[in-house]
């Protein structure tokens, strides 16, 4: 899953915790790269105002205060990640040792 703001892809981290963060935007779980974390406009908890939210099983829960609300279901399909099909094709070519186009 890429960063929701800039589209950068997460790579395998070196030792230690990942600098990437999770958040919720428009009731969808998103990843935020280290460079976009300061400017990220995320959903906030209606109870305490925190951005430490997680979205699961149709609910959005605040990790700070525990407030839970129902996630609003969007009728819009999720946008595909930019360049994902090209990245998958390149990875398959590397794996199968095929020359790239």
C-alpha atoms as a PDB file:
ATOM      1  CA  UNK A   1       0.000   0.000   0.000  1.00  0.00           C
ATOM      2  CA  UNK A   2       1.509   3.369  -0.978  1.00  0.00           C
ATOM      3  CA  UNK A   3       1.506   6.627   0.970  1.00  0.00           C
ATOM      4  CA  UNK A   4      -1.932   8.169   0.477  1.00  0.00           C
ATOM      5  CA  UNK A   5      -0.457  11.659  -0.166  1.00  0.00           C
ATOM      6  CA  UNK A   6       2.578  11.165  -2.404  1.00  0.00           C
ATOM      7  CA  UNK A   7       2.223   7.561  -3.639  1.00  0.00           C
ATOM      8  CA  UNK A   8       5.641   6.442  -2.332  1.00  0.00           C
ATOM      9  CA  UNK A   9       5.838   2.731  -1.652  1.00  0.00           C
ATOM     10  CA  UNK A  10       6.957   1.316   1.667  1.00  0.00           C
ATOM     11  CA  UNK A  11      10.099  -0.787   1.504  1.00  0.00           C
ATOM     12  CA  UNK A  12      11.344  -3.379   3.939  1.00  0.00           C
ATOM     13  CA  UNK A  13      12.573  -1.450   6.975  1.00  0.00           C
ATOM     14  CA  UNK A  14      15.994  -1.829   8.455  1.00  0.00           C
ATOM     15  CA  UNK A  15      16.091  -3.050  12.025  1.00  0.00           C
ATOM     16  CA  UNK A  16      13.738  -1.366  14.404  1.00  0.00           C
ATOM     17  CA  UNK A  17      10.260   0.055  14.041  1.00  0.00           C
ATOM     18  CA  UNK A  18       9.054   1.393  10.723  1.00  0.00           C
ATOM     19  CA  UNK A  19       8.989   5.187  10.351  1.00  0.00           C
ATOM     20  CA  UNK A  20       5.723   4.868   8.388  1.00  0.00           C
ATOM     21  CA  UNK A  21       2.465   5.533  10.237  1.00  0.00           C
ATOM     22  CA  UNK A  22      -1.095   4.331   9.853  1.00  0.00           C
ATOM     23  CA  UNK A  23      -4.070   6.630   9.938  1.00  0.00           C
ATOM     24  CA  UNK A  24      -7.657   6.975   8.810  1.00  0.00           C
ATOM     25  CA  UNK A  25      -8.824   9.312   6.074  1.00  0.00           C
ATOM     26  CA  UNK A  26     -12.434   9.365   4.862  1.00  0.00           C
ATOM     27  CA  UNK A  27     -13.044   6.239   6.965  1.00  0.00           C
ATOM     28  CA  UNK A  28     -10.346   4.259   5.143  1.00  0.00           C
ATOM     29  CA  UNK A  29      -7.110   2.966   6.622  1.00  0.00           C
ATOM     30  CA  UNK A  30      -4.118   4.672   4.983  1.00  0.00           C
ATOM     31  CA  UNK A  31      -0.333   4.638   5.274  1.00  0.00           C
ATOM     32  CA  UNK A  32       1.679   7.837   5.608  1.00  0.00           C
ATOM     33  CA  UNK A  33       5.364   8.011   4.656  1.00  0.00           C
ATOM     34  CA  UNK A  34       7.779   9.871   6.963  1.00  0.00           C
ATOM     35  CA  UNK A  35       7.947  12.862   4.595  1.00  0.00           C
ATOM     36  CA  UNK A  36       4.179  13.388   4.527  1.00  0.00           C
ATOM     37  CA  UNK A  37       3.369  12.854   8.206  1.00  0.00           C
ATOM     38  CA  UNK A  38       3.470  16.536   9.191  1.00  0.00           C
ATOM     39  CA  UNK A  39       1.148  17.658   6.369  1.00  0.00           C
ATOM     40  CA  UNK A  40      -1.208  14.668   6.461  1.00  0.00           C
ATOM     41  CA  UNK A  41      -4.853  15.629   6.851  1.00  0.00           C
ATOM     42  CA  UNK A  42      -6.352  12.690   8.711  1.00  0.00           C
ATOM     43  CA  UNK A  43      -9.685  12.001  10.334  1.00  0.00           C
ATOM     44  CA  UNK A  44      -9.855  12.908  14.015  1.00  0.00           C
ATOM     45  CA  UNK A  45     -11.619  11.286  16.933  1.00  0.00           C
ATOM     46  CA  UNK A  46     -14.963  12.952  17.649  1.00  0.00           C
ATOM     47  CA  UNK A  47     -14.393  12.428  21.361  1.00  0.00           C
ATOM     48  CA  UNK A  48     -10.783  13.501  22.017  1.00  0.00           C
ATOM     49  CA  UNK A  49      -9.543  14.938  18.693  1.00  0.00           C
ATOM     50  CA  UNK A  50      -6.704  12.417  18.289  1.00  0.00           C
ATOM     51  CA  UNK A  51      -5.554  11.188  14.864  1.00  0.00           C
ATOM     52  CA  UNK A  52      -4.569   7.798  16.350  1.00  0.00           C
ATOM     53  CA  UNK A  53      -7.443   5.996  14.643  1.00  0.00           C
ATOM     54  CA  UNK A  54      -7.740   2.517  13.194  1.00  0.00           C
ATOM     55  CA  UNK A  55     -10.414   1.280  10.818  1.00  0.00           C
ATOM     56  CA  UNK A  56     -11.573  -2.311  11.002  1.00  0.00           C
ATOM     57  CA  UNK A  57     -14.711  -4.342  10.407  1.00  0.00           C
ATOM     58  CA  UNK A  58     -16.813  -1.314   9.553  1.00  0.00           C
ATOM     59  CA  UNK A  59     -15.762   0.635  12.647  1.00  0.00           C
ATOM     60  CA  UNK A  60     -13.300   3.410  13.381  1.00  0.00           C
ATOM     61  CA  UNK A  61     -11.680   3.199  16.821  1.00  0.00           C
ATOM     62  CA  UNK A  62      -9.533   5.758  18.592  1.00  0.00           C
ATOM     63  CA  UNK A  63      -6.373   4.219  20.030  1.00  0.00           C
ATOM     64  CA  UNK A  64      -6.051   7.029  22.576  1.00  0.00           C
ATOM     65  CA  UNK A  65      -9.488   7.129  24.230  1.00  0.00           C
ATOM     66  CA  UNK A  66     -11.168   3.967  22.890  1.00  0.00           C
ATOM     67  CA  UNK A  67     -14.113   5.809  21.293  1.00  0.00           C
ATOM     68  CA  UNK A  68     -15.695   3.654  18.554  1.00  0.00           C
ATOM     69  CA  UNK A  69     -17.978   4.803  15.761  1.00  0.00           C
ATOM     70  CA  UNK A  70     -19.405   3.184  12.676  1.00  0.00           C
ATOM     71  CA  UNK A  71     -17.422   3.793   9.496  1.00  0.00           C
ATOM     72  CA  UNK A  72     -19.363   5.491   6.731  1.00  0.00           C
ATOM     73  CA  UNK A  73     -19.381   3.233   3.699  1.00  0.00           C
ATOM     74  CA  UNK A  74     -18.394   5.028   0.525  1.00  0.00           C
ATOM     75  CA  UNK A  75     -20.029   4.028  -2.741  1.00  0.00           C
ATOM     76  CA  UNK A  76     -16.900   5.195  -4.572  1.00  0.00           C
ATOM     77  CA  UNK A  77     -14.476   2.369  -5.403  1.00  0.00           C
ATOM     78  CA  UNK A  78     -11.017   2.654  -3.917  1.00  0.00           C
ATOM     79  CA  UNK A  79      -8.562   4.282  -6.287  1.00  0.00           C
ATOM     80  CA  UNK A  80      -5.882   1.891  -7.531  1.00  0.00           C
ATOM     81  CA  UNK A  81      -2.376   2.740  -6.479  1.00  0.00           C
ATOM     82  CA  UNK A  82      -0.533   4.632  -9.223  1.00  0.00           C
ATOM     83  CA  UNK A  83       1.950   2.447 -11.054  1.00  0.00           C
ATOM     84  CA  UNK A  84       1.050  -0.706  -9.145  1.00  0.00           C
ATOM     85  CA  UNK A  85       0.506  -2.859 -12.236  1.00  0.00           C
ATOM     86  CA  UNK A  86       3.890  -1.795 -13.643  1.00  0.00           C
ATOM     87  CA  UNK A  87       5.619  -2.586 -10.330  1.00  0.00           C
ATOM     88  CA  UNK A  88       3.972  -6.014 -10.181  1.00  0.00           C
ATOM     89  CA  UNK A  89       4.973  -6.769 -13.783  1.00  0.00           C
ATOM     90  CA  UNK A  90       8.586  -5.737 -13.079  1.00  0.00           C
ATOM     91  CA  UNK A  91       8.678  -7.884  -9.935  1.00  0.00           C
ATOM     92  CA  UNK A  92       7.332 -10.899 -11.831  1.00  0.00           C
ATOM     93  CA  UNK A  93       9.895 -10.381 -14.586  1.00  0.00           C
ATOM     94  CA  UNK A  94      12.684 -10.304 -11.988  1.00  0.00           C
ATOM     95  CA  UNK A  95      11.324 -13.369 -10.227  1.00  0.00           C
ATOM     96  CA  UNK A  96      10.866 -15.336 -13.434  1.00  0.00           C
ATOM     97  CA  UNK A  97      14.122 -13.966 -14.884  1.00  0.00           C
ATOM     98  CA  UNK A  98      12.385 -12.580 -17.951  1.00  0.00           C
ATOM     99  CA  UNK A  99      13.742  -9.559 -19.779  1.00  0.00           C
ATOM    100  CA  UNK A 100      11.708  -6.417 -19.100  1.00  0.00           C
ATOM    101  CA  UNK A 101       9.901  -4.709 -21.974  1.00  0.00           C
END
